[in-house]
N, C-alpha and C. Protein backbone atom coordinates (compact mmCIF):
# COMPACT_ATOMS: atom_id res chain seq x y z
N UNK A 1 149.92 51.70 61.04
CA UNK A 1 150.41 50.28 60.47
C UNK A 1 149.43 49.59 60.64
N UNK A 2 148.60 49.50 61.92
CA UNK A 2 147.79 48.55 62.56
C UNK A 2 146.48 48.78 61.53
N UNK A 3 145.98 50.26 61.47
CA UNK A 3 145.05 50.43 60.69
C UNK A 3 145.16 50.10 59.18
N UNK A 4 146.16 50.28 58.47
CA UNK A 4 146.20 49.85 57.33
C UNK A 4 146.23 48.27 57.19
N UNK A 5 146.83 47.66 58.06
CA UNK A 5 146.78 45.87 58.00
C UNK A 5 145.20 45.96 58.17
N UNK A 6 144.63 46.47 58.94
CA UNK A 6 142.83 46.28 59.28
C UNK A 6 142.23 46.57 57.56
N UNK A 7 142.56 47.69 57.21
CA UNK A 7 142.21 48.28 56.08
C UNK A 7 142.47 47.17 54.91
N UNK A 8 143.62 46.41 54.88
CA UNK A 8 143.82 45.54 53.93
C UNK A 8 143.07 44.09 54.10
N UNK A 9 142.82 43.63 55.45
CA UNK A 9 142.29 42.52 55.47
C UNK A 9 140.75 42.65 55.17
N UNK A 10 140.33 43.91 55.48
CA UNK A 10 138.69 44.13 54.94
C UNK A 10 138.41 44.07 53.45
N UNK A 11 139.86 44.88 52.80
CA UNK A 11 139.47 44.94 51.47
C UNK A 11 139.45 43.28 50.90
N UNK A 12 140.60 42.48 51.26
CA UNK A 12 140.58 41.12 50.73
C UNK A 12 139.67 40.30 51.01
N UNK A 13 138.81 40.65 52.21
CA UNK A 13 137.68 39.77 52.67
C UNK A 13 136.47 40.19 51.39
N UNK A 14 136.27 41.43 51.19
CA UNK A 14 135.43 41.67 49.79
C UNK A 14 135.91 41.41 48.69
N UNK A 15 137.12 41.35 48.49
CA UNK A 15 137.49 40.90 47.13
C UNK A 15 137.40 39.16 46.82
N UNK A 16 137.51 38.74 48.26
CA UNK A 16 137.36 37.18 47.80
C UNK A 16 135.78 37.00 48.00
N UNK A 17 135.02 37.85 48.23
CA UNK A 17 133.39 37.63 48.41
C UNK A 17 132.92 37.83 47.12
N UNK A 18 133.39 38.90 46.48
CA UNK A 18 132.78 39.18 45.12
C UNK A 18 132.82 38.28 44.21
N UNK A 19 133.69 37.28 43.79
CA UNK A 19 133.31 36.18 42.98
C UNK A 19 132.50 35.21 43.56
N UNK A 20 132.62 34.91 44.75
CA UNK A 20 131.57 33.85 45.25
C UNK A 20 130.23 34.77 45.06
N UNK A 21 129.81 35.59 44.99
CA UNK A 21 128.62 36.13 44.94
C UNK A 21 128.15 36.16 43.36
N UNK A 22 129.04 36.49 42.79
CA UNK A 22 129.04 36.34 41.45
C UNK A 22 128.62 34.72 40.70
N UNK A 23 128.85 33.91 41.27
CA UNK A 23 128.85 32.85 41.19
C UNK A 23 127.34 32.28 41.32
N UNK A 24 126.49 33.09 42.33
CA UNK A 24 125.28 32.83 42.35
C UNK A 24 124.36 32.96 41.18
N UNK A 25 123.19 32.31 41.06
CA UNK A 25 122.79 32.43 39.33
C UNK A 25 121.54 33.41 39.46
N UNK A 26 121.67 34.19 38.57
CA UNK A 26 120.53 35.31 38.24
C UNK A 26 119.51 34.93 37.06
N UNK A 27 118.84 35.64 36.46
CA UNK A 27 118.15 35.33 35.59
C UNK A 27 118.53 36.17 34.42
N UNK A 28 120.14 36.57 34.51
CA UNK A 28 120.93 37.07 33.38
C UNK A 28 122.02 35.67 33.36
N UNK A 29 122.30 35.49 31.90
CA UNK A 29 123.77 34.58 32.15
C UNK A 29 124.87 35.20 32.10
N UNK A 30 125.51 34.45 32.92
CA UNK A 30 127.08 35.03 33.69
C UNK A 30 128.12 34.14 33.49
N UNK A 31 129.40 34.39 33.02
CA UNK A 31 130.39 33.43 32.80
C UNK A 31 130.66 32.82 34.16
N UNK A 32 130.78 33.70 35.27
CA UNK A 32 131.09 33.39 36.53
C UNK A 32 130.39 32.34 36.82
N UNK A 33 128.96 32.22 36.44
CA UNK A 33 128.55 31.11 37.16
C UNK A 33 128.83 29.74 36.80
N UNK A 34 129.84 29.66 35.97
CA UNK A 34 130.15 27.99 35.44
C UNK A 34 131.69 28.10 35.40
N UNK A 35 132.42 29.63 35.54
CA UNK A 35 133.93 29.41 34.85
C UNK A 35 134.82 28.71 36.09
N UNK A 36 134.18 28.51 37.45
CA UNK A 36 135.10 27.75 38.35
C UNK A 36 134.53 26.26 38.79
N UNK A 37 133.57 25.75 38.00
CA UNK A 37 133.28 24.40 38.44
C UNK A 37 134.60 23.49 37.88
N UNK A 38 134.64 22.63 38.79
CA UNK A 38 135.62 21.83 38.76
C UNK A 38 135.50 20.73 37.85
N UNK A 39 136.43 20.23 37.18
CA UNK A 39 136.01 19.43 35.91
C UNK A 39 137.50 18.30 36.34
N UNK A 40 137.07 16.99 36.33
CA UNK A 40 138.11 16.00 36.44
C UNK A 40 138.67 15.93 34.94
N UNK A 41 140.03 15.93 34.71
CA UNK A 41 140.65 16.00 33.46
C UNK A 41 141.77 15.38 33.79
N UNK A 42 142.03 14.16 33.20
CA UNK A 42 142.86 13.42 33.34
C UNK A 42 143.62 13.30 34.89
N UNK A 43 142.53 12.72 35.73
CA UNK A 43 142.95 12.70 37.02
C UNK A 43 143.22 14.16 37.82
N UNK A 44 143.11 15.34 37.41
CA UNK A 44 143.39 16.91 37.65
C UNK A 44 141.88 17.14 37.79
N UNK A 45 141.62 17.86 38.98
CA UNK A 45 140.55 18.75 38.98
C UNK A 45 140.84 19.86 38.70
N UNK A 46 140.22 20.50 37.74
CA UNK A 46 140.69 21.94 37.18
C UNK A 46 139.40 22.82 36.82
N UNK A 47 139.29 23.98 37.05
CA UNK A 47 138.46 25.11 36.63
C UNK A 47 137.96 24.88 35.30
N UNK A 48 136.76 24.84 35.17
CA UNK A 48 136.18 24.82 33.64
C UNK A 48 137.03 25.71 32.66
N UNK A 49 137.06 26.92 33.08
CA UNK A 49 137.78 28.20 32.29
C UNK A 49 139.38 27.56 31.82
N UNK A 50 139.89 26.75 32.33
CA UNK A 50 141.04 26.33 32.00
C UNK A 50 140.88 25.29 30.96
N UNK A 51 139.68 24.89 30.58
CA UNK A 51 139.73 23.73 29.55
C UNK A 51 138.48 24.28 28.35
N UNK A 52 138.31 25.62 28.52
CA UNK A 52 137.35 25.84 27.70
C UNK A 52 137.23 27.27 27.44
N UNK A 53 136.69 27.84 26.25
CA UNK A 53 136.18 29.19 26.27
C UNK A 53 134.93 29.46 26.32
N UNK A 54 134.45 30.13 27.28
CA UNK A 54 133.03 30.54 27.84
C UNK A 54 132.56 31.73 27.27
N UNK A 55 131.33 31.96 26.81
CA UNK A 55 130.66 33.14 26.21
C UNK A 55 129.27 33.26 26.44
N UNK A 56 128.87 34.40 26.41
CA UNK A 56 127.38 34.43 26.62
C UNK A 56 126.78 34.78 25.25
N UNK A 57 125.61 33.93 24.93
CA UNK A 57 124.83 34.41 23.53
C UNK A 57 123.45 34.91 24.07
N UNK A 58 123.02 36.19 24.17
CA UNK A 58 122.18 36.88 24.59
C UNK A 58 120.74 35.91 24.08
N UNK A 59 119.45 36.00 24.59
CA UNK A 59 119.36 36.60 25.99
C UNK A 59 119.68 35.78 27.12
N UNK A 60 119.72 34.37 26.80
CA UNK A 60 119.74 33.36 27.93
C UNK A 60 120.40 32.17 27.79
N UNK A 61 121.51 32.58 27.02
CA UNK A 61 122.26 31.25 26.83
C UNK A 61 123.91 31.59 27.17
N UNK A 62 124.41 30.35 27.61
CA UNK A 62 125.90 30.55 27.78
C UNK A 62 126.38 29.06 26.91
N UNK A 63 127.46 29.64 26.16
CA UNK A 63 128.26 28.78 25.51
C UNK A 63 129.60 28.30 25.67
N UNK A 64 129.96 27.19 25.59
CA UNK A 64 131.02 26.63 26.13
C UNK A 64 131.69 25.89 25.19
N UNK A 65 132.92 26.48 24.77
CA UNK A 65 133.59 25.64 23.49
C UNK A 65 134.74 25.19 24.26
N UNK A 66 134.70 23.53 24.55
CA UNK A 66 135.76 22.96 25.39
C UNK A 66 136.86 22.51 24.09
N UNK A 67 138.17 23.16 24.57
CA UNK A 67 139.29 22.81 23.61
C UNK A 67 139.56 21.04 23.28
N UNK A 68 139.51 20.55 24.29
CA UNK A 68 140.14 19.18 24.07
C UNK A 68 138.89 18.07 24.36
N UNK A 69 138.38 17.36 23.20
CA UNK A 69 137.10 16.53 23.26
C UNK A 69 136.94 15.57 24.50
N UNK A 70 138.23 15.22 24.64
CA UNK A 70 138.44 14.19 26.01
C UNK A 70 138.06 14.90 27.31
N UNK A 71 137.77 16.00 27.27
CA UNK A 71 137.11 16.86 28.54
C UNK A 71 135.64 17.28 28.41
N UNK A 72 135.03 17.03 27.11
CA UNK A 72 133.90 17.14 27.13
C UNK A 72 132.63 16.52 28.00
N UNK A 73 132.72 15.47 27.96
CA UNK A 73 131.91 14.48 28.93
C UNK A 73 132.17 14.97 30.24
N UNK A 74 133.53 15.03 30.72
CA UNK A 74 133.42 15.23 32.07
C UNK A 74 133.01 16.98 32.29
N UNK A 75 133.15 17.72 31.68
CA UNK A 75 132.73 19.11 31.71
C UNK A 75 130.95 18.97 31.90
N UNK A 76 130.38 18.33 30.98
CA UNK A 76 129.07 18.29 30.95
C UNK A 76 128.78 17.61 32.55
N UNK A 77 129.24 16.52 32.85
CA UNK A 77 129.08 15.80 33.90
C UNK A 77 129.00 17.07 35.27
N UNK A 78 130.30 17.95 35.35
CA UNK A 78 130.35 18.55 36.03
C UNK A 78 129.28 19.93 36.38
N UNK A 79 128.55 20.37 35.08
CA UNK A 79 127.47 21.31 35.08
C UNK A 79 126.33 20.55 35.47
N UNK A 80 126.19 19.24 35.25
CA UNK A 80 125.02 18.59 35.79
C UNK A 80 124.73 18.63 37.14
N UNK A 81 125.81 18.23 37.56
CA UNK A 81 126.24 17.89 39.39
C UNK A 81 126.58 18.95 39.97
N UNK A 82 126.38 20.40 39.22
CA UNK A 82 126.73 21.44 40.04
C UNK A 82 125.86 22.04 41.08
N UNK A 83 124.45 21.71 40.88
CA UNK A 83 123.22 21.74 41.59
C UNK A 83 122.80 23.42 41.15
N UNK A 84 123.27 23.88 39.67
CA UNK A 84 122.76 25.29 39.36
C UNK A 84 121.67 24.89 38.68
N UNK A 85 120.75 23.79 38.64
CA UNK A 85 119.70 23.52 37.56
C UNK A 85 119.76 23.90 36.30
N UNK A 86 120.89 23.59 35.72
CA UNK A 86 121.27 23.91 34.07
C UNK A 86 120.96 22.65 33.60
N UNK A 87 120.88 22.41 32.71
CA UNK A 87 120.72 21.37 31.67
C UNK A 87 121.63 21.23 30.49
N UNK A 88 122.85 20.88 30.06
CA UNK A 88 123.73 21.16 29.10
C UNK A 88 123.16 20.30 27.94
N UNK A 89 123.30 21.08 26.66
CA UNK A 89 123.27 20.30 25.53
C UNK A 89 124.26 20.13 24.49
N UNK A 90 124.94 19.17 24.35
CA UNK A 90 126.38 18.80 23.45
C UNK A 90 125.89 19.41 22.09
N UNK A 91 126.97 20.23 21.39
CA UNK A 91 126.60 20.48 19.74
C UNK A 91 128.07 20.15 19.50
N UNK A 92 128.69 18.99 19.14
CA UNK A 92 129.99 18.84 18.65
C UNK A 92 130.70 19.18 19.86
N UNK A 93 131.93 20.21 19.33
CA UNK A 93 132.74 20.54 20.72
C UNK A 93 132.13 21.48 21.53
N UNK A 94 130.56 21.85 21.36
CA UNK A 94 130.25 23.20 22.10
C UNK A 94 129.05 22.30 23.00
N UNK A 95 129.25 23.19 24.33
CA UNK A 95 128.32 22.79 25.15
C UNK A 95 127.34 24.37 25.21
N UNK A 96 125.99 24.08 25.07
CA UNK A 96 125.09 25.12 25.17
C UNK A 96 124.14 25.04 26.67
N UNK A 97 123.94 25.86 27.31
CA UNK A 97 123.41 25.90 28.53
C UNK A 97 122.33 27.26 28.41
N UNK A 98 121.21 26.56 28.21
CA UNK A 98 120.19 27.90 28.38
C UNK A 98 119.63 28.03 29.37
N UNK A 99 119.42 29.20 29.84
CA UNK A 99 119.00 29.41 31.48
C UNK A 99 117.57 29.57 31.42
N UNK A 100 116.73 28.60 32.15
CA UNK A 100 115.40 29.01 32.13
C UNK A 100 115.45 30.11 33.18
N UNK A 101 114.15 31.05 33.00
CA UNK A 101 113.77 31.87 34.04
C UNK A 101 113.65 31.41 35.67
N UNK A 102 114.25 32.18 36.42
CA UNK A 102 114.04 31.78 37.87
C UNK A 102 112.70 31.66 38.38
N UNK A 103 112.18 30.72 38.80
CA UNK A 103 110.79 30.81 39.76
C UNK A 103 110.77 31.73 40.74
N UNK A 104 109.51 31.92 41.07
CA UNK A 104 109.37 32.93 42.19
C UNK A 104 110.21 32.16 43.58
N UNK A 105 109.89 31.10 43.59
CA UNK A 105 110.12 30.26 44.90
C UNK A 105 111.73 30.22 44.76
N UNK A 106 112.33 29.91 43.42
CA UNK A 106 113.79 29.76 43.49
C UNK A 106 114.64 31.24 43.60
N UNK A 107 113.90 32.01 43.19
CA UNK A 107 114.31 33.50 43.49
C UNK A 107 114.56 33.86 45.12
N UNK A 108 113.38 33.48 45.82
CA UNK A 108 113.48 33.63 47.12
C UNK A 108 114.59 32.75 47.94
N UNK A 109 114.81 31.62 47.40
CA UNK A 109 116.04 30.60 47.82
C UNK A 109 117.10 31.42 47.61
N UNK A 110 117.45 31.94 46.35
CA UNK A 110 118.73 32.76 46.16
C UNK A 110 118.97 33.84 47.04
N UNK A 111 117.87 34.83 47.21
CA UNK A 111 118.18 35.76 48.10
C UNK A 111 118.30 35.37 49.40
N UNK A 112 117.50 34.40 50.06
CA UNK A 112 117.78 33.76 51.37
C UNK A 112 119.58 33.45 51.45
N UNK A 113 119.84 32.89 50.48
CA UNK A 113 121.34 32.41 50.14
C UNK A 113 122.19 33.25 50.35
N UNK A 114 122.02 34.55 49.55
CA UNK A 114 123.01 35.65 49.56
C UNK A 114 122.81 36.40 50.87
N UNK A 115 121.94 36.51 51.51
CA UNK A 115 121.56 36.97 52.94
C UNK A 115 122.55 36.37 53.58
N UNK A 116 122.47 35.10 53.83
CA UNK A 116 123.10 34.08 54.35
C UNK A 116 124.56 34.23 54.33
N UNK A 117 124.88 34.40 53.21
CA UNK A 117 126.66 34.55 52.81
C UNK A 117 126.98 36.04 53.26
N UNK A 118 126.39 37.06 52.99
CA UNK A 118 126.56 38.16 53.85
C UNK A 118 126.57 38.34 55.14
N UNK A 119 125.75 37.53 55.82
CA UNK A 119 125.73 37.61 57.17
C UNK A 119 127.16 36.90 57.64
N UNK A 120 127.68 35.87 57.08
CA UNK A 120 128.75 35.17 57.39
C UNK A 120 130.00 36.33 57.22
N UNK A 121 129.88 36.83 56.03
CA UNK A 121 130.90 37.91 55.76
C UNK A 121 130.97 39.03 56.89
N UNK A 122 129.83 39.75 57.17
CA UNK A 122 129.61 40.54 58.67
C UNK A 122 130.76 39.81 59.85
N UNK A 123 130.25 38.68 60.05
CA UNK A 123 130.76 38.18 61.29
C UNK A 123 132.28 38.19 60.99
N UNK A 124 132.64 37.74 60.09
CA UNK A 124 134.29 37.71 59.72
C UNK A 124 134.69 39.26 59.84
N UNK A 125 134.02 40.18 59.69
CA UNK A 125 134.60 41.61 59.35
C UNK A 125 134.53 42.11 60.92
N UNK A 126 133.34 41.68 61.90
CA UNK A 126 133.55 41.94 63.16
C UNK A 126 134.57 41.48 64.06
N UNK A 127 135.19 40.25 63.56
CA UNK A 127 136.13 39.70 64.29
C UNK A 127 137.40 40.42 63.81
N UNK A 128 137.60 40.70 62.44
CA UNK A 128 138.48 41.34 62.09
C UNK A 128 138.83 42.96 63.14
N UNK A 129 137.61 43.34 63.06
CA UNK A 129 137.57 44.42 63.97
C UNK A 129 137.81 44.30 65.43
N UNK A 130 137.26 43.48 66.03
CA UNK A 130 137.59 43.05 67.30
C UNK A 130 139.21 42.67 67.57
N UNK A 131 139.88 42.13 66.67
CA UNK A 131 141.23 41.45 66.82
C UNK A 131 141.98 43.29 66.75
N UNK A 132 141.61 43.81 65.87
CA UNK A 132 142.25 45.07 65.85
C UNK A 132 142.35 46.04 66.66
N UNK A 133 141.09 45.97 67.30
CA UNK A 133 140.91 46.89 68.81
C UNK A 133 141.48 46.13 70.20
N UNK A 134 141.78 44.94 70.09
CA UNK A 134 142.29 44.21 71.24
C UNK A 134 144.11 44.72 70.94
N UNK A 135 144.09 44.57 69.64
CA UNK A 135 146.08 45.06 69.51
C UNK A 135 146.04 46.55 69.67
N UNK A 136 144.94 47.45 69.28
CA UNK A 136 145.02 48.77 69.96
C UNK A 136 145.42 48.79 71.35
N UNK A 137 144.53 48.14 72.06
CA UNK A 137 144.41 48.17 73.47
C UNK A 137 145.65 47.63 74.10
N UNK A 138 146.06 46.74 73.48
CA UNK A 138 147.38 46.12 73.79
C UNK A 138 148.72 46.95 73.73
N UNK A 139 148.71 47.82 72.57
CA UNK A 139 149.46 48.72 72.23
C UNK A 139 149.62 49.77 73.34
N UNK A 140 148.11 50.34 73.62
CA UNK A 140 148.28 51.48 74.80
C UNK A 140 148.53 51.17 76.14
N UNK A 141 148.47 49.72 76.41
CA UNK A 141 148.60 49.15 77.63
C UNK A 141 150.18 49.04 77.56
N UNK A 142 150.88 48.84 76.72
CA UNK A 142 152.45 48.79 76.47
C UNK A 142 153.10 50.30 76.47
N UNK A 143 151.97 51.26 76.42
CA UNK A 143 152.69 52.51 76.29
C UNK A 143 153.34 53.06 74.92
N UNK A 144 152.53 52.39 74.03
CA UNK A 144 153.01 52.34 72.72
C UNK A 144 151.95 53.73 72.07
N UNK A 145 150.91 53.80 72.69
CA UNK A 145 149.84 54.64 72.39
C UNK A 145 149.41 55.35 73.45
N UNK A 146 148.93 56.47 73.18
CA UNK A 146 148.37 57.62 74.71
C UNK A 146 146.93 56.94 74.27
N UNK A 147 145.98 57.72 75.45
CA UNK A 147 144.59 57.19 75.55
C UNK A 147 144.00 58.21 74.06
N UNK A 148 144.53 59.14 73.75
CA UNK A 148 143.79 60.20 72.79
C UNK A 148 143.98 58.84 71.17
N UNK A 149 145.14 58.82 71.05
CA UNK A 149 145.63 57.75 69.97
C UNK A 149 144.90 56.59 69.82
N UNK A 150 144.75 55.89 71.21
CA UNK A 150 143.75 54.64 71.08
C UNK A 150 142.61 54.81 70.76
N UNK A 151 141.62 55.91 71.09
CA UNK A 151 140.41 56.51 70.95
C UNK A 151 140.46 56.79 69.13
N UNK A 152 141.46 57.47 68.80
CA UNK A 152 141.56 57.79 67.27
C UNK A 152 141.55 56.48 66.75
N UNK A 153 142.21 55.67 66.84
CA UNK A 153 142.49 54.34 66.04
C UNK A 153 141.39 53.53 66.09
N UNK A 154 140.74 53.27 67.32
CA UNK A 154 139.57 52.83 67.28
C UNK A 154 138.30 53.33 66.49
N UNK A 155 138.34 54.82 66.53
CA UNK A 155 137.37 55.49 65.74
C UNK A 155 137.91 54.98 63.98
N UNK A 156 138.95 55.26 63.95
CA UNK A 156 139.15 54.59 62.23
C UNK A 156 138.74 53.25 62.01
N UNK A 157 139.17 52.66 62.85
CA UNK A 157 138.71 51.25 62.80
C UNK A 157 137.30 51.05 62.46
N UNK A 158 136.68 51.78 63.05
CA UNK A 158 134.88 51.45 63.30
C UNK A 158 134.67 52.12 61.84
N UNK A 159 135.19 53.47 61.23
CA UNK A 159 134.88 53.79 60.14
C UNK A 159 135.44 53.01 58.88
N UNK A 160 136.46 52.51 59.07
CA UNK A 160 136.72 51.15 57.92
C UNK A 160 135.66 50.06 58.06
N UNK A 161 135.35 49.61 59.08
CA UNK A 161 134.46 48.66 59.46
C UNK A 161 132.67 49.06 58.57
N UNK A 162 132.40 50.17 59.03
CA UNK A 162 131.28 51.07 58.34
C UNK A 162 131.23 51.08 56.81
N UNK A 163 132.43 51.31 56.61
CA UNK A 163 132.70 51.63 54.97
C UNK A 163 132.45 50.31 54.26
N UNK A 164 132.94 49.18 54.90
CA UNK A 164 133.06 47.83 54.47
C UNK A 164 131.54 47.26 54.48
N UNK A 165 130.85 47.42 55.37
CA UNK A 165 129.58 46.81 55.59
C UNK A 165 128.66 47.90 54.51
N UNK A 166 128.82 49.21 54.02
CA UNK A 166 128.19 49.65 53.35
C UNK A 166 128.42 48.89 51.71
N UNK A 167 129.50 48.84 51.53
CA UNK A 167 130.04 48.17 50.41
C UNK A 167 129.05 46.72 50.04
N UNK A 168 129.48 46.07 51.53
CA UNK A 168 128.73 44.71 51.24
C UNK A 168 127.36 45.01 51.24
N UNK A 169 126.58 45.94 51.80
CA UNK A 169 125.01 46.03 51.65
C UNK A 169 124.74 46.50 50.15
N UNK A 170 125.62 47.31 49.38
CA UNK A 170 125.38 47.83 48.04
C UNK A 170 125.30 46.34 47.22
N UNK A 171 126.36 45.50 47.78
CA UNK A 171 126.59 44.17 46.63
C UNK A 171 125.29 43.65 46.87
N UNK A 172 124.80 43.34 48.19
CA UNK A 172 123.62 42.47 48.30
C UNK A 172 122.42 43.29 47.75
N UNK A 173 122.04 44.61 47.72
CA UNK A 173 121.05 45.07 47.08
C UNK A 173 121.15 44.64 45.36
N UNK A 174 122.38 45.04 45.12
CA UNK A 174 122.57 44.65 43.74
C UNK A 174 122.33 43.21 42.98
N UNK A 175 122.73 42.49 43.63
CA UNK A 175 122.72 41.11 43.49
C UNK A 175 121.29 40.53 43.52
N UNK A 176 120.40 41.18 44.85
CA UNK A 176 118.78 40.66 44.75
C UNK A 176 118.22 41.45 43.54
N UNK A 177 118.61 42.70 43.46
CA UNK A 177 117.83 43.03 42.25
C UNK A 177 118.31 42.27 41.06
N UNK A 178 119.17 42.04 40.82
CA UNK A 178 119.79 40.89 39.56
C UNK A 178 118.73 39.71 39.57
N UNK A 179 118.55 39.20 40.54
CA UNK A 179 117.94 37.72 40.99
C UNK A 179 116.43 38.15 40.88
N UNK A 180 116.04 39.50 40.95
CA UNK A 180 114.50 39.68 40.81
C UNK A 180 113.88 40.26 39.53
N UNK A 181 114.93 40.49 38.52
CA UNK A 181 114.76 41.01 37.20
C UNK A 181 113.65 40.02 36.65
């Protein structure tokens, strides 16, 4: 049971991290880049994806079709203030975002950022492992587990952590490759 709980926590951490990583700008247009930008809409703070349809126009354009013209200017403002370095062009009900190629300096900043994000996730993963190992030790102390079971459980936890860290490394390598394209 405790192993399943640990496994679920580790899975949840990765599931939460993947969209955060997807929102980091690369040289490819990506809907996740803008879909969760918060837009003020009649006093409500809503994600852009709830106010517009977002599509990719190859090779480097994101097109946003805002459903309500009252939200158009606030959507433009949210994009401009996002810190993504995007300059929206309004064309009727459409917002066009041309993604300029990333400079070498900006690529390095992005890679540094994703490495920092990955390291923060590793710290959370270590915390989950430590909490689980403490729980296992407590169960052994209370007599619920034998010494062999304790060792086996801790070994299973470490294997889960290693697997999660490998997935994290794979995500980092893939994202760094996208940034450097």
